[in-house]
Amino acid sequence: RLRAAGRETVAVFGEADVDAAAVFARELPDSPALAGLTLVELAGALAECGAFLGNDSGIAHLAAAVGVPTTALFGPSDADVWAPRGRGGVRVLRAPEGELERLEISAVWAALAPA
C-alpha cells in the first residue's frame, strides 16, 4: 500500500529477526532491506528516512532519537512508559487489548498519512 502511494519502503531487521528477514527476502525479493548494521550505521540510515513505522523496539527509539517522524505500534507493553521520544514527532498506536494482530490497517494508514 505504501508503494502504491509512491512511498519508498525499506525494511530493517535486527539481530533477533533472522527468520523474519529470510521470509521477507523470499516473499519480497525486490524490496530493499537492511540487516546486520552497526548501531552507528543504522542511525545514519534511519536519519535519511522520511518516516519510520515499526513495533515497540529499539529501532523505533533510534529512529525517534535521530529526528525521524516515528509511528510506533504497541501491543501489550505500556506506551506511557516505553514510547519513543524524539524531536521529529512520535505517534503511538495502541493495539486493542494489547494484540498487534487486532490493530486495524486503516488506523496505521491514517497515522502515516501526514508523515
Protein backbone atom coordinates (compact mmCIF):
# COMPACT_ATOMS: atom_id res chain seq x y z
CA ARG A 1 0.00 0.00 0.00
CA LEU A 2 2.85 2.39 0.76
CA ARG A 3 4.49 1.71 -2.58
CA ALA A 4 1.20 2.21 -4.39
CA ALA A 5 1.06 5.66 -2.77
CA GLY A 6 4.52 6.45 -4.13
CA ARG A 7 6.38 5.94 -0.85
CA GLU A 8 9.71 4.14 -0.99
CA THR A 9 9.96 1.46 1.68
CA VAL A 10 12.94 -0.20 3.32
CA ALA A 11 12.65 -2.98 5.87
CA VAL A 12 15.07 -3.01 8.80
CA PHE A 13 15.96 -6.20 10.62
CA GLY A 14 17.86 -6.55 13.88
CA GLU A 15 19.85 -9.47 15.25
CA ALA A 16 16.74 -11.22 16.57
CA ASP A 17 14.99 -11.00 13.19
CA VAL A 18 16.97 -13.57 11.21
CA ASP A 19 13.92 -15.73 10.46
CA ALA A 20 11.72 -12.74 9.57
CA ALA A 21 14.44 -11.35 7.29
CA ALA A 22 14.65 -14.67 5.44
CA VAL A 23 10.88 -14.76 4.90
CA PHE A 24 10.92 -11.12 3.76
CA ALA A 25 13.71 -11.77 1.25
CA ARG A 26 11.92 -14.82 -0.11
CA GLU A 27 8.46 -13.23 -0.35
CA LEU A 28 9.50 -9.74 -1.46
CA PRO A 29 12.78 -10.18 -3.34
CA ASP A 30 12.59 -6.74 -5.00
CA SER A 31 12.12 -4.87 -1.72
CA PRO A 32 15.17 -3.28 -0.12
CA ALA A 33 16.10 -4.43 3.36
CA LEU A 34 18.79 -3.53 5.86
CA ALA A 35 20.25 -6.12 8.21
CA GLY A 36 23.47 -6.61 10.13
CA LEU A 37 24.20 -2.89 10.54
CA THR A 38 26.09 -1.48 13.48
CA LEU A 39 24.21 0.94 15.71
CA VAL A 40 26.01 3.90 14.13
CA GLU A 41 25.29 2.65 10.60
CA LEU A 42 21.63 2.08 11.47
CA ALA A 43 21.32 5.57 12.99
CA GLY A 44 22.77 7.05 9.81
CA ALA A 45 20.41 5.06 7.59
CA LEU A 46 17.38 5.99 9.70
CA ALA A 47 18.34 9.67 9.64
CA GLU A 48 17.87 9.60 5.86
CA CYS A 49 14.28 8.32 6.13
CA GLY A 50 11.21 10.49 5.70
CA ALA A 51 9.26 8.43 8.25
CA PHE A 52 9.55 5.29 10.35
CA LEU A 53 6.85 2.69 11.05
CA GLY A 54 7.58 -0.17 13.40
CA ASN A 55 6.72 -2.02 16.54
CA ASP A 56 7.86 -1.05 20.02
CA SER A 57 11.55 -1.75 19.61
CA GLY A 58 15.00 -0.32 19.98
CA ILE A 59 14.95 0.62 16.31
CA ALA A 60 11.82 2.75 16.86
CA HIS A 61 13.60 4.56 19.69
CA LEU A 62 16.65 5.13 17.50
CA ALA A 63 14.50 6.48 14.64
CA ALA A 64 12.82 8.94 17.01
CA ALA A 65 16.16 9.92 18.55
CA VAL A 66 17.63 10.91 15.17
CA GLY A 67 14.59 13.07 14.44
CA VAL A 68 12.62 10.89 12.04
CA PRO A 69 8.81 11.16 12.30
CA THR A 70 8.04 7.85 14.01
CA THR A 71 4.88 5.77 14.21
CA ALA A 72 5.27 3.09 16.87
CA LEU A 73 2.87 0.17 17.15
CA PHE A 74 2.33 -1.04 20.69
CA GLY A 75 0.97 -4.39 21.77
CA PRO A 76 1.00 -5.39 25.43
CA SER A 77 3.80 -3.08 26.59
CA ASP A 78 2.86 0.21 28.27
CA ALA A 79 3.27 3.03 25.76
CA ASP A 80 3.04 5.63 28.54
CA VAL A 81 6.28 4.21 29.92
CA TRP A 82 8.06 2.79 26.86
CA ALA A 83 7.08 5.00 23.89
CA PRO A 84 9.95 6.53 21.93
CA ARG A 85 10.68 10.22 22.39
CA GLY A 86 12.11 12.44 19.70
CA ARG A 87 12.14 15.83 18.08
CA GLY A 88 10.74 14.57 14.77
CA GLY A 89 7.36 13.72 16.25
CA VAL A 90 6.15 10.39 17.56
CA ARG A 91 2.76 8.80 17.03
CA VAL A 92 1.79 5.83 19.14
CA LEU A 93 -0.86 3.34 18.07
CA ARG A 94 -2.03 1.00 20.81
CA ALA A 95 -3.38 -2.36 19.73
CA PRO A 96 -6.78 -3.35 21.11
CA GLU A 97 -6.30 -5.47 24.22
CA GLY A 98 -2.56 -5.44 23.55
CA GLU A 99 -2.81 -7.72 20.50
CA LEU A 100 -1.00 -6.31 17.46
CA GLU A 101 -2.97 -8.65 15.20
CA ARG A 102 -6.09 -6.68 16.14
CA LEU A 103 -4.66 -3.32 15.09
CA GLU A 104 -6.60 -2.17 12.04
CA ILE A 105 -4.56 -1.44 8.92
CA SER A 106 -6.76 1.61 8.33
CA ALA A 107 -5.63 3.06 11.68
CA VAL A 108 -1.98 2.54 10.78
CA TRP A 109 -2.53 4.06 7.34
CA ALA A 110 -4.28 7.09 8.88
CA ALA A 111 -1.37 7.62 11.28
CA LEU A 112 1.08 7.58 8.37
CA ALA A 113 -0.92 9.89 6.10
CA PRO A 114 0.55 13.18 7.36
CA ALA A 115 4.07 11.75 7.71
